[in-house]
Amino acid sequence: MTSKRAAVVHKAAISDGEPAAAASWLTVAEVADYLRLRPRTVYDMVAREKIPFSRAGGRLVFARDQIDQWLSHQHRGHVDAQVQRDLPAIIAGSHDPLLEWAMRHSDSPMALMTRGSRDGLRSMVEGRASAALIHLPASDLQSFNLHAVAEAVRGQPWVLIHWARRTQGLICAPGNPLAIEGLASLRRKRLRIGRRQPGAGSRELFELLCRQAELPAQPRNLHWQDGYSSEDDLGAAVLAGEIDCGLGVLGSAQRLNLHFIPLLVESADLLIDRRAYFEPGIQSLLALARHKAFAAQAQRLGGYDLSDFGRVRWNAR
């Protein structure tokens, strides 16, 4: 029996004055305890009609026998997917200097797991993270993230919140001793170029920019050095003289006093599971991001535009 039918069948069976906590009926708190979930998760399941429920005098109630029957019909090994278990307190995805600062200065108990935007999407799909920062360009470089989220959604209860617009460009040694002027310079100089690991948004962006500039994927006069796991790792390699340049955000370059050549402005967005949106970890982070100290830090780092922070760019239906 579907939840809609259950609501119709049992609407007349429970009067407004009948206690919902009677032996055969459970309240939200009781069914949450029965299923070992948080009450917020139960509300989310009701909203998505993933669990049989009824209403009595405006209150949600649950027939114990229907809950037992519903549980018995879950496929073995898939119950967790059906009841939407609590997610890990982890923000996955892209490395971002401003997000890193915000996590340190907020009261959020969440941890960062920055292994690239594609890994962030996978972590969300597989239930290994509550949120992910992503900056994945469309093939025409005209938009960011919406196409990637649409491909990965598969009915997931996610919302995409704008984090910031960030200036991306080439990070070079202090003083720019090789006189690198932009992507065109990569054609005529024998350069050691650092790239982020496959799956990182900066790696995909760099490859698209090179393609747009008609720079061969494997030019003979260049030496690629791959696998830098964060913007700061790449910047540190430039500072140490291990590489001559690489693509990254202005914030990382300025933290290390490196030369920066701007190329484009991208959109970085937070993909958040709606079940975790109102949890203390996410709320603490978002609260700090609305504070003037957050804006001041963005200005110090440079290359951030926060004018659309918090705008909902996409919401699962």
C-alpha atoms as a PDB file:
ATOM      1  CA  MET A   1       0.000   0.000   0.000  1.00  0.00           C
ATOM      2  CA  THR A   2       1.439   3.372  -0.946  1.00  0.00           C
ATOM      3  CA  SER A   3       1.747   6.219   1.555  1.00  0.00           C
ATOM      4  CA  LYS A   4      -0.991   8.203  -0.239  1.00  0.00           C
ATOM      5  CA  ARG A   5      -3.439   5.296  -0.010  1.00  0.00           C
ATOM      6  CA  ALA A   6      -2.444   4.696   3.588  1.00  0.00           C
ATOM      7  CA  ALA A   7      -3.246   8.299   4.429  1.00  0.00           C
ATOM      8  CA  VAL A   8      -6.700   7.986   2.830  1.00  0.00           C
ATOM      9  CA  VAL A   9      -7.539   4.624   4.354  1.00  0.00           C
ATOM     10  CA  HIS A  10      -6.562   5.611   7.866  1.00  0.00           C
ATOM     11  CA  LYS A  11      -7.737   9.207   7.933  1.00  0.00           C
ATOM     12  CA  ALA A  12     -11.132   8.207   9.283  1.00  0.00           C
ATOM     13  CA  ALA A  13      -9.722   5.513  11.530  1.00  0.00           C
ATOM     14  CA  ILE A  14      -8.002   7.956  13.881  1.00  0.00           C
ATOM     15  CA  SER A  15      -9.907  10.729  15.582  1.00  0.00           C
ATOM     16  CA  ASP A  16      -8.253  14.026  16.505  1.00  0.00           C
ATOM     17  CA  GLY A  17      -8.452  13.123  20.135  1.00  0.00           C
ATOM     18  CA  GLU A  18      -7.015   9.619  19.864  1.00  0.00           C
ATOM     19  CA  PRO A  19      -3.451   9.414  21.205  1.00  0.00           C
ATOM     20  CA  ALA A  20      -1.028   8.660  18.395  1.00  0.00           C
ATOM     21  CA  ALA A  21       1.260   6.816  20.762  1.00  0.00           C
ATOM     22  CA  ALA A  22      -1.211   4.000  21.263  1.00  0.00           C
ATOM     23  CA  ALA A  23       0.233   0.527  20.834  1.00  0.00           C
ATOM     24  CA  SER A  24      -0.626   0.289  17.108  1.00  0.00           C
ATOM     25  CA  TRP A  25       0.390   3.853  16.189  1.00  0.00           C
ATOM     26  CA  LEU A  26       3.752   5.624  16.348  1.00  0.00           C
ATOM     27  CA  THR A  27       4.661   9.309  16.428  1.00  0.00           C
ATOM     28  CA  VAL A  28       7.512  10.749  14.371  1.00  0.00           C
ATOM     29  CA  ALA A  29       9.856  10.471  17.349  1.00  0.00           C
ATOM     30  CA  GLU A  30       8.778   6.896  18.045  1.00  0.00           C
ATOM     31  CA  VAL A  31       9.112   5.696  14.449  1.00  0.00           C
ATOM     32  CA  ALA A  32      12.511   7.404  14.253  1.00  0.00           C
ATOM     33  CA  ASP A  33      13.609   5.526  17.358  1.00  0.00           C
ATOM     34  CA  TYR A  34      12.082   2.316  16.008  1.00  0.00           C
ATOM     35  CA  LEU A  35      14.029   2.634  12.737  1.00  0.00           C
ATOM     36  CA  ARG A  36      17.125   4.096  14.456  1.00  0.00           C
ATOM     37  CA  LEU A  37      16.949   7.278  12.387  1.00  0.00           C
ATOM     38  CA  ARG A  38      16.818  10.957  13.208  1.00  0.00           C
ATOM     39  CA  PRO A  39      13.344  12.572  13.214  1.00  0.00           C
ATOM     40  CA  ARG A  40      14.487  14.928  10.422  1.00  0.00           C
ATOM     41  CA  THR A  41      15.218  11.896   8.242  1.00  0.00           C
ATOM     42  CA  VAL A  42      11.706  10.590   8.851  1.00  0.00           C
ATOM     43  CA  TYR A  43      10.206  13.950   7.823  1.00  0.00           C
ATOM     44  CA  ASP A  44      12.269  13.836   4.634  1.00  0.00           C
ATOM     45  CA  MET A  45      11.060  10.298   3.872  1.00  0.00           C
ATOM     46  CA  VAL A  46       7.454  11.404   4.367  1.00  0.00           C
ATOM     47  CA  ALA A  47       7.945  14.369   2.044  1.00  0.00           C
ATOM     48  CA  ARG A  48       9.300  12.013  -0.634  1.00  0.00           C
ATOM     49  CA  GLU A  49       6.639   9.376   0.148  1.00  0.00           C
ATOM     50  CA  LYS A  50       9.232   6.719   0.907  1.00  0.00           C
ATOM     51  CA  ILE A  51       7.448   5.386   3.992  1.00  0.00           C
ATOM     52  CA  PRO A  52       3.766   4.626   4.794  1.00  0.00           C
ATOM     53  CA  PHE A  53       2.203   7.327   6.986  1.00  0.00           C
ATOM     54  CA  SER A  54      -1.124   8.865   8.006  1.00  0.00           C
ATOM     55  CA  ARG A  55      -2.277  12.203   9.405  1.00  0.00           C
ATOM     56  CA  ALA A  56      -4.439  12.676  12.472  1.00  0.00           C
ATOM     57  CA  GLY A  57      -5.499  16.186  13.359  1.00  0.00           C
ATOM     58  CA  GLY A  58      -2.559  17.596  11.421  1.00  0.00           C
ATOM     59  CA  ARG A  59      -0.068  15.258  13.101  1.00  0.00           C
ATOM     60  CA  LEU A  60       1.946  12.598  11.350  1.00  0.00           C
ATOM     61  CA  VAL A  61       1.355   9.083  12.643  1.00  0.00           C
ATOM     62  CA  PHE A  62       2.569   5.671  11.515  1.00  0.00           C
ATOM     63  CA  ALA A  63       0.786   2.335  11.736  1.00  0.00           C
ATOM     64  CA  ARG A  64       3.200  -0.093  13.362  1.00  0.00           C
ATOM     65  CA  ASP A  65       1.984  -3.033  11.295  1.00  0.00           C
ATOM     66  CA  GLN A  66       2.456  -1.068   8.067  1.00  0.00           C
ATOM     67  CA  ILE A  67       5.968  -0.062   9.116  1.00  0.00           C
ATOM     68  CA  ASP A  68       6.780  -3.705   9.861  1.00  0.00           C
ATOM     69  CA  GLN A  69       5.331  -4.784   6.517  1.00  0.00           C
ATOM     70  CA  TRP A  70       7.247  -2.031   4.701  1.00  0.00           C
ATOM     71  CA  LEU A  71      10.503  -3.127   6.341  1.00  0.00           C
ATOM     72  CA  SER A  72       9.900  -6.751   5.434  1.00  0.00           C
ATOM     73  CA  HIS A  73       9.574  -5.801   1.773  1.00  0.00           C
ATOM     74  CA  GLN A  74      12.931  -4.067   1.620  1.00  0.00           C
ATOM     75  CA  HIS A  75      15.527  -6.038  -0.317  1.00  0.00           C
ATOM     76  CA  ARG A  76      18.199  -7.487   1.900  1.00  0.00           C
ATOM     77  CA  GLY A  77      21.293  -5.306   1.716  1.00  0.00           C
ATOM     78  CA  HIS A  78      19.304  -2.307   0.422  1.00  0.00           C
ATOM     79  CA  VAL A  79      17.502  -1.217   3.559  1.00  0.00           C
ATOM     80  CA  ASP A  80      20.015   1.577   4.178  1.00  0.00           C
ATOM     81  CA  ALA A  81      19.314   3.074   0.770  1.00  0.00           C
ATOM     82  CA  GLN A  82      15.589   2.996   1.437  1.00  0.00           C
ATOM     83  CA  VAL A  83      15.628   4.535   4.897  1.00  0.00           C
ATOM     84  CA  GLN A  84      18.314   7.084   4.000  1.00  0.00           C
ATOM     85  CA  ARG A  85      20.704   6.561   6.867  1.00  0.00           C
ATOM     86  CA  ASP A  86      22.553   9.495   8.376  1.00  0.00           C
ATOM     87  CA  LEU A  87      25.384  10.761   6.213  1.00  0.00           C
ATOM     88  CA  PRO A  88      29.015  11.228   7.252  1.00  0.00           C
ATOM     89  CA  ALA A  89      29.900  14.724   8.479  1.00  0.00           C
ATOM     90  CA  ILE A  90      32.224  15.285   5.515  1.00  0.00           C
ATOM     91  CA  ILE A  91      32.503  17.951   2.829  1.00  0.00           C
ATOM     92  CA  ALA A  92      34.152  16.400  -0.206  1.00  0.00           C
ATOM     93  CA  GLY A  93      35.112  17.771  -3.595  1.00  0.00           C
ATOM     94  CA  SER A  94      37.418  20.568  -4.628  1.00  0.00           C
ATOM     95  CA  HIS A  95      40.066  22.260  -2.555  1.00  0.00           C
ATOM     96  CA  ASP A  96      39.295  25.945  -1.955  1.00  0.00           C
ATOM     97  CA  PRO A  97      41.363  28.315   0.234  1.00  0.00           C
ATOM     98  CA  LEU A  98      38.272  30.209   1.384  1.00  0.00           C
ATOM     99  CA  LEU A  99      36.356  27.053   2.302  1.00  0.00           C
ATOM    100  CA  GLU A 100      39.404  25.751   4.150  1.00  0.00           C
ATOM    101  CA  TRP A 101      39.558  28.978   6.162  1.00  0.00           C
ATOM    102  CA  ALA A 102      35.820  28.911   6.867  1.00  0.00           C
ATOM    103  CA  MET A 103      35.983  25.347   8.181  1.00  0.00           C
ATOM    104  CA  ARG A 104      38.780  26.287  10.570  1.00  0.00           C
ATOM    105  CA  HIS A 105      36.991  29.366  11.899  1.00  0.00           C
ATOM    106  CA  SER A 106      33.435  28.037  12.158  1.00  0.00           C
ATOM    107  CA  ASP A 107      32.083  25.765  14.855  1.00  0.00           C
ATOM    108  CA  SER A 108      31.341  23.126  12.240  1.00  0.00           C
ATOM    109  CA  PRO A 109      32.296  19.602  13.351  1.00  0.00           C
ATOM    110  CA  MET A 110      32.592  18.531   9.723  1.00  0.00           C
ATOM    111  CA  ALA A 111      35.777  17.355   8.039  1.00  0.00           C
ATOM    112  CA  LEU A 112      37.143  18.244   4.609  1.00  0.00           C
ATOM    113  CA  MET A 113      37.985  15.487   2.115  1.00  0.00           C
ATOM    114  CA  THR A 114      39.258  17.424  -0.901  1.00  0.00           C
ATOM    115  CA  ARG A 115      40.106  14.966  -3.676  1.00  0.00           C
ATOM    116  CA  GLY A 116      38.652  16.855  -6.611  1.00  0.00           C
ATOM    117  CA  SER A 117      35.211  17.746  -7.928  1.00  0.00           C
ATOM    118  CA  ARG A 118      34.527  14.398  -9.624  1.00  0.00           C
ATOM    119  CA  ASP A 119      35.460  12.516  -6.470  1.00  0.00           C
ATOM    120  CA  GLY A 120      33.110  14.836  -4.584  1.00  0.00           C
ATOM    121  CA  LEU A 121      30.246  13.865  -6.870  1.00  0.00           C
ATOM    122  CA  ARG A 122      31.035  10.167  -6.428  1.00  0.00           C
ATOM    123  CA  SER A 123      31.199  10.596  -2.665  1.00  0.00           C
ATOM    124  CA  MET A 124      27.739  12.161  -2.694  1.00  0.00           C
ATOM    125  CA  VAL A 125      26.259   9.427  -4.896  1.00  0.00           C
ATOM    126  CA  GLU A 126      27.772   6.705  -2.706  1.00  0.00           C
ATOM    127  CA  GLY A 127      26.697   8.332   0.558  1.00  0.00           C
ATOM    128  CA  ARG A 128      30.275   9.026   1.716  1.00  0.00           C
ATOM    129  CA  ALA A 129      29.745  12.778   2.170  1.00  0.00           C
ATOM    130  CA  SER A 130      27.043  15.250   3.161  1.00  0.00           C
ATOM    131  CA  ALA A 131      28.218  17.960   0.774  1.00  0.00           C
ATOM    132  CA  ALA A 132      30.793  18.634  -1.928  1.00  0.00           C
ATOM    133  CA  LEU A 133      32.355  21.773  -3.379  1.00  0.00           C
ATOM    134  CA  ILE A 134      32.476  21.470  -7.163  1.00  0.00           C
ATOM    135  CA  HIS A 135      33.602  23.622 -10.101  1.00  0.00           C
ATOM    136  CA  LEU A 136      33.114  21.509 -13.208  1.00  0.00           C
ATOM    137  CA  PRO A 137      33.009  23.365 -16.535  1.00  0.00           C
ATOM    138  CA  ALA A 138      30.682  22.573 -19.393  1.00  0.00           C
ATOM    139  CA  SER A 139      32.484  21.698 -22.616  1.00  0.00           C
ATOM    140  CA  ASP A 140      31.803  25.166 -24.053  1.00  0.00           C
ATOM    141  CA  LEU A 141      33.113  26.911 -20.893  1.00  0.00           C
ATOM    142  CA  GLN A 142      29.849  28.878 -20.709  1.00  0.00           C
ATOM    143  CA  SER A 143      28.545  27.370 -17.478  1.00  0.00           C
ATOM    144  CA  PHE A 144      29.690  25.393 -14.468  1.00  0.00           C
ATOM    145  CA  ASN A 145      28.315  22.476 -12.412  1.00  0.00           C
ATOM    146  CA  LEU A 146      24.685  22.316 -13.585  1.00  0.00           C
ATOM    147  CA  HIS A 147      25.384  19.771 -16.328  1.00  0.00           C
ATOM    148  CA  ALA A 148      27.518  17.608 -14.019  1.00  0.00           C
ATOM    149  CA  VAL A 149      24.900  17.575 -11.264  1.00  0.00           C
ATOM    150  CA  ALA A 150      22.115  16.748 -13.719  1.00  0.00           C
ATOM    151  CA  GLU A 151      24.084  13.734 -14.943  1.00  0.00           C
ATOM    152  CA  ALA A 152      24.790  12.459 -11.429  1.00  0.00           C
ATOM    153  CA  VAL A 153      21.478  13.192  -9.704  1.00  0.00           C
ATOM    154  CA  ARG A 154      19.560   9.909 -10.214  1.00  0.00           C
ATOM    155  CA  GLY A 155      16.778  11.050  -7.899  1.00  0.00           C
ATOM    156  CA  GLN A 156      19.100  12.157  -5.111  1.00  0.00           C
ATOM    157  CA  PRO A 157      17.707  14.728  -2.621  1.00  0.00           C
ATOM    158  CA  TRP A 158      20.331  17.371  -3.352  1.00  0.00           C
ATOM    159  CA  VAL A 159      20.447  21.147  -3.563  1.00  0.00           C
ATOM    160  CA  LEU A 160      23.172  23.188  -5.310  1.00  0.00           C
ATOM    161  CA  ILE A 161      24.070  26.389  -3.439  1.00  0.00           C
ATOM    162  CA  HIS A 162      26.329  29.025  -4.956  1.00  0.00           C
ATOM    163  CA  TRP A 163      29.580  29.427  -3.009  1.00  0.00           C
ATOM    164  CA  ALA A 164      31.585  32.012  -4.950  1.00  0.00           C
ATOM    165  CA  ARG A 165      32.836  33.119  -8.316  1.00  0.00           C
ATOM    166  CA  ARG A 166      36.587  32.570  -8.427  1.00  0.00           C
ATOM    167  CA  THR A 167      39.293  33.885 -10.738  1.00  0.00           C
ATOM    168  CA  GLN A 168      41.287  31.067 -12.312  1.00  0.00           C
ATOM    169  CA  GLY A 169      44.585  31.593 -14.089  1.00  0.00           C
ATOM    170  CA  LEU A 170      48.215  30.603 -14.491  1.00  0.00           C
ATOM    171  CA  ILE A 171      50.305  30.587 -11.318  1.00  0.00           C
ATOM    172  CA  CYS A 172      53.945  31.450 -12.014  1.00  0.00           C
ATOM    173  CA  ALA A 173      57.127  32.118 -10.052  1.00  0.00           C
ATOM    174  CA  PRO A 174      57.473  35.468  -8.244  1.00  0.00           C
ATOM    175  CA  GLY A 175      58.308  38.219 -10.698  1.00  0.00           C
ATOM    176  CA  ASN A 176      57.403  35.970 -13.642  1.00  0.00           C
ATOM    177  CA  PRO A 177      61.041  35.426 -14.724  1.00  0.00           C
ATOM    178  CA  LEU A 178      59.999  33.424 -17.808  1.00  0.00           C
ATOM    179  CA  ALA A 179      57.724  36.238 -19.015  1.00  0.00           C
ATOM    180  CA  ILE A 180      54.704  33.962 -19.368  1.00  0.00           C
ATOM    181  CA  GLU A 181      51.838  36.010 -20.775  1.00  0.00           C
ATOM    182  CA  GLY A 182      49.072  33.435 -21.017  1.00  0.00           C
ATOM    183  CA  LEU A 183      48.210  30.198 -22.759  1.00  0.00           C
ATOM    184  CA  ALA A 184      49.815  31.436 -25.981  1.00  0.00           C
ATOM    185  CA  SER A 185      53.180  31.466 -24.203  1.00  0.00           C
ATOM    186  CA  LEU A 186      52.930  27.720 -23.706  1.00  0.00           C
ATOM    187  CA  ARG A 187      53.490  27.242 -27.448  1.00  0.00           C
ATOM    188  CA  ARG A 188      56.920  28.845 -27.588  1.00  0.00           C
ATOM    189  CA  LYS A 189      58.598  27.994 -24.304  1.00  0.00           C
ATOM    190  CA  ARG A 190      59.932  24.746 -22.993  1.00  0.00           C
ATOM    191  CA  LEU A 191      58.003  24.808 -19.751  1.00  0.00           C
ATOM    192  CA  ARG A 192      57.400  22.445 -16.887  1.00  0.00           C
ATOM    193  CA  ILE A 193      53.663  22.668 -16.334  1.00  0.00           C
ATOM    194  CA  GLY A 194      51.935  21.299 -13.272  1.00  0.00           C
ATOM    195  CA  ARG A 195      48.440  19.836 -13.480  1.00  0.00           C
ATOM    196  CA  ARG A 196      45.986  18.702 -10.854  1.00  0.00           C
ATOM    197  CA  GLN A 197      44.998  15.059 -10.588  1.00  0.00           C
ATOM    198  CA  PRO A 198      42.428  13.615 -13.052  1.00  0.00           C
ATOM    199  CA  GLY A 199      38.903  14.410 -11.860  1.00  0.00           C
ATOM    200  CA  ALA A 200      39.851  17.769 -10.364  1.00  0.00           C
ATOM    201  CA  GLY A 201      37.812  20.683 -11.686  1.00  0.00           C
ATOM    202  CA  SER A 202      40.998  22.666 -12.345  1.00  0.00           C
ATOM    203  CA  ARG A 203      42.385  19.784 -14.418  1.00  0.00           C
ATOM    204  CA  GLU A 204      39.255  19.621 -16.581  1.00  0.00           C
ATOM    205  CA  LEU A 205      39.209  23.393 -16.901  1.00  0.00           C
ATOM    206  CA  PHE A 206      42.878  23.512 -17.929  1.00  0.00           C
ATOM    207  CA  GLU A 207      42.350  20.857 -20.590  1.00  0.00           C
ATOM    208  CA  LEU A 208      39.367  22.724 -22.021  1.00  0.00           C
ATOM    209  CA  LEU A 209      41.270  26.018 -22.060  1.00  0.00           C
ATOM    210  CA  CYS A 210      44.199  24.385 -23.853  1.00  0.00           C
ATOM    211  CA  ARG A 211      41.842  22.841 -26.393  1.00  0.00           C
ATOM    212  CA  GLN A 212      40.140  26.197 -26.934  1.00  0.00           C
ATOM    213  CA  ALA A 213      43.578  27.779 -27.488  1.00  0.00           C
ATOM    214  CA  GLU A 214      44.349  24.959 -29.959  1.00  0.00           C
ATOM    215  CA  LEU A 215      47.267  23.828 -27.837  1.00  0.00           C
ATOM    216  CA  PRO A 216      48.066  20.143 -28.541  1.00  0.00           C
ATOM    217  CA  ALA A 217      47.301  17.748 -25.725  1.00  0.00           C
ATOM    218  CA  GLN A 218      50.898  16.440 -25.782  1.00  0.00           C
ATOM    219  CA  PRO A 219      53.083  19.183 -27.302  1.00  0.00           C
ATOM    220  CA  ARG A 220      56.695  18.112 -27.725  1.00  0.00           C
ATOM    221  CA  ASN A 221      58.125  21.280 -26.227  1.00  0.00           C
ATOM    222  CA  LEU A 222      56.258  20.925 -22.914  1.00  0.00           C
ATOM    223  CA  HIS A 223      56.852  18.794 -19.869  1.00  0.00           C
ATOM    224  CA  TRP A 224      53.712  17.949 -17.917  1.00  0.00           C
ATOM    225  CA  GLN A 225      53.935  17.119 -14.237  1.00  0.00           C
ATOM    226  CA  ASP A 226      50.684  15.646 -12.959  1.00  0.00           C
ATOM    227  CA  GLY A 227      49.020  14.695  -9.729  1.00  0.00           C
ATOM    228  CA  TYR A 228      49.005  17.815  -7.544  1.00  0.00           C
ATOM    229  CA  SER A 229      46.183  17.184  -5.103  1.00  0.00           C
ATOM    230  CA  SER A 230      45.311  20.786  -4.208  1.00  0.00           C
ATOM    231  CA  GLU A 231      45.719  24.354  -5.358  1.00  0.00           C
ATOM    232  CA  ASP A 232      48.195  24.939  -2.547  1.00  0.00           C
ATOM    233  CA  ASP A 233      50.304  21.890  -3.502  1.00  0.00           C
ATOM    234  CA  LEU A 234      50.603  23.197  -7.035  1.00  0.00           C
ATOM    235  CA  GLY A 235      51.502  26.682  -5.813  1.00  0.00           C
ATOM    236  CA  ALA A 236      54.118  25.279  -3.442  1.00  0.00           C
ATOM    237  CA  ALA A 237      55.692  23.374  -6.347  1.00  0.00           C
ATOM    238  CA  VAL A 238      55.949  26.609  -8.329  1.00  0.00           C
ATOM    239  CA  LEU A 239      57.512  28.386  -5.349  1.00  0.00           C
ATOM    240  CA  ALA A 240      60.035  25.566  -4.878  1.00  0.00           C
ATOM    241  CA  GLY A 241      61.045  25.704  -8.558  1.00  0.00           C
ATOM    242  CA  GLU A 242      59.788  22.190  -9.324  1.00  0.00           C
ATOM    243  CA  ILE A 243      57.473  23.494 -12.054  1.00  0.00           C
ATOM    244  CA  ASP A 244      57.226  26.750 -13.988  1.00  0.00           C
ATOM    245  CA  CYS A 245      53.463  27.264 -13.917  1.00  0.00           C
ATOM    246  CA  GLY A 246      50.076  25.654 -13.459  1.00  0.00           C
ATOM    247  CA  LEU A 247      46.395  26.518 -13.358  1.00  0.00           C
ATOM    248  CA  GLY A 248      44.904  27.569 -10.025  1.00  0.00           C
ATOM    249  CA  VAL A 249      42.874  30.215  -8.217  1.00  0.00           C
ATOM    250  CA  LEU A 250      44.157  33.683  -7.390  1.00  0.00           C
ATOM    251  CA  GLY A 251      43.661  33.014  -3.671  1.00  0.00           C
ATOM    252  CA  SER A 252      46.281  30.260  -3.671  1.00  0.00           C
ATOM    253  CA  ALA A 253      48.739  32.368  -5.663  1.00  0.00           C
ATOM    254  CA  GLN A 254      48.466  35.365  -3.360  1.00  0.00           C
ATOM    255  CA  ARG A 255      48.882  33.287  -0.223  1.00  0.00           C
ATOM    256  CA  LEU A 256      52.343  32.316  -1.515  1.00  0.00           C
ATOM    257  CA  ASN A 257      53.181  35.683  -3.154  1.00  0.00           C
ATOM    258  CA  LEU A 258      53.295  34.111  -6.608  1.00  0.00           C
ATOM    259  CA  HIS A 259      52.733  35.791  -9.960  1.00  0.00           C
ATOM    260  CA  PHE A 260      49.245  35.295 -11.376  1.00  0.00           C
ATOM    261  CA  ILE A 261      47.867  35.613 -14.919  1.00  0.00           C
ATOM    262  CA  PRO A 262      44.038  35.661 -14.891  1.00  0.00           C
ATOM    263  CA  LEU A 263      42.258  33.601 -17.561  1.00  0.00           C
ATOM    264  CA  LEU A 264      38.578  33.360 -16.615  1.00  0.00           C
ATOM    265  CA  VAL A 265      36.014  33.525 -13.804  1.00  0.00           C
ATOM    266  CA  GLU A 266      34.336  30.278 -12.762  1.00  0.00           C
ATOM    267  CA  SER A 267      31.485  29.324 -10.455  1.00  0.00           C
ATOM    268  CA  ALA A 268      32.214  27.187  -7.397  1.00  0.00           C
ATOM    269  CA  ASP A 269      29.109  25.707  -5.776  1.00  0.00           C
ATOM    270  CA  LEU A 270      28.266  23.604  -2.744  1.00  0.00           C
ATOM    271  CA  LEU A 271      26.260  20.483  -3.523  1.00  0.00           C
ATOM    272  CA  ILE A 272      24.444  19.611  -0.294  1.00  0.00           C
ATOM    273  CA  ASP A 273      22.275  16.646   0.597  1.00  0.00           C
ATOM    274  CA  ARG A 274      19.005  18.148   1.831  1.00  0.00           C
ATOM    275  CA  ARG A 275      18.968  15.686   4.716  1.00  0.00           C
ATOM    276  CA  ALA A 276      22.149  17.332   6.011  1.00  0.00           C
ATOM    277  CA  TYR A 277      21.325  20.939   5.154  1.00  0.00           C
ATOM    278  CA  PHE A 278      19.814  21.761   8.554  1.00  0.00           C
ATOM    279  CA  GLU A 279      22.321  19.764  10.552  1.00  0.00           C
ATOM    280  CA  PRO A 280      24.685  21.768  12.804  1.00  0.00           C
ATOM    281  CA  GLY A 281      27.744  21.166  10.612  1.00  0.00           C
ATOM    282  CA  ILE A 282      26.340  22.727   7.445  1.00  0.00           C
ATOM    283  CA  GLN A 283      24.465  25.444   9.312  1.00  0.00           C
ATOM    284  CA  SER A 284      27.597  26.530  11.220  1.00  0.00           C
ATOM    285  CA  LEU A 285      29.523  26.828   7.968  1.00  0.00           C
ATOM    286  CA  LEU A 286      26.775  28.812   6.235  1.00  0.00           C
ATOM    287  CA  ALA A 287      26.353  31.083   9.261  1.00  0.00           C
ATOM    288  CA  LEU A 288      30.040  32.023   9.188  1.00  0.00           C
ATOM    289  CA  ALA A 289      29.885  32.552   5.426  1.00  0.00           C
ATOM    290  CA  ARG A 290      27.287  35.273   6.014  1.00  0.00           C
ATOM    291  CA  HIS A 291      29.528  37.064   8.542  1.00  0.00           C
ATOM    292  CA  LYS A 292      31.637  40.094   7.634  1.00  0.00           C
ATOM    293  CA  ALA A 293      34.797  38.199   8.641  1.00  0.00           C
ATOM    294  CA  PHE A 294      34.159  35.793   5.774  1.00  0.00           C
ATOM    295  CA  ALA A 295      33.905  38.624   3.257  1.00  0.00           C
ATOM    296  CA  ALA A 296      37.053  40.191   4.686  1.00  0.00           C
ATOM    297  CA  GLN A 297      38.987  36.932   4.270  1.00  0.00           C
ATOM    298  CA  ALA A 298      37.741  36.568   0.682  1.00  0.00           C
ATOM    299  CA  GLN A 299      39.039  40.053  -0.042  1.00  0.00           C
ATOM    300  CA  ARG A 300      42.411  39.269   1.528  1.00  0.00           C
ATOM    301  CA  LEU A 301      42.775  36.114  -0.557  1.00  0.00           C
ATOM    302  CA  GLY A 302      41.698  37.899  -3.714  1.00  0.00           C
ATOM    303  CA  GLY A 303      39.816  36.646  -6.751  1.00  0.00           C
ATOM    304  CA  TYR A 304      36.506  35.948  -4.985  1.00  0.00           C
ATOM    305  CA  ASP A 305      33.116  37.431  -5.826  1.00  0.00           C
ATOM    306  CA  LEU A 306      30.554  36.641  -3.110  1.00  0.00           C
ATOM    307  CA  SER A 307      27.687  38.702  -4.495  1.00  0.00           C
ATOM    308  CA  ASP A 308      25.525  35.636  -5.229  1.00  0.00           C
ATOM    309  CA  PHE A 309      26.541  33.555  -2.219  1.00  0.00           C
ATOM    310  CA  GLY A 310      23.707  31.307  -1.033  1.00  0.00           C
ATOM    311  CA  ARG A 311      21.657  31.467  -4.233  1.00  0.00           C
ATOM    312  CA  VAL A 312      20.006  28.154  -5.046  1.00  0.00           C
ATOM    313  CA  ARG A 313      21.259  27.159  -8.484  1.00  0.00           C
ATOM    314  CA  TRP A 314      19.550  23.775  -8.635  1.00  0.00           C
ATOM    315  CA  ASN A 315      17.134  21.860  -6.422  1.00  0.00           C
ATOM    316  CA  ALA A 316      16.079  18.236  -6.794  1.00  0.00           C
ATOM    317  CA  ARG A 317      12.364  17.704  -7.228  1.00  0.00           C
END
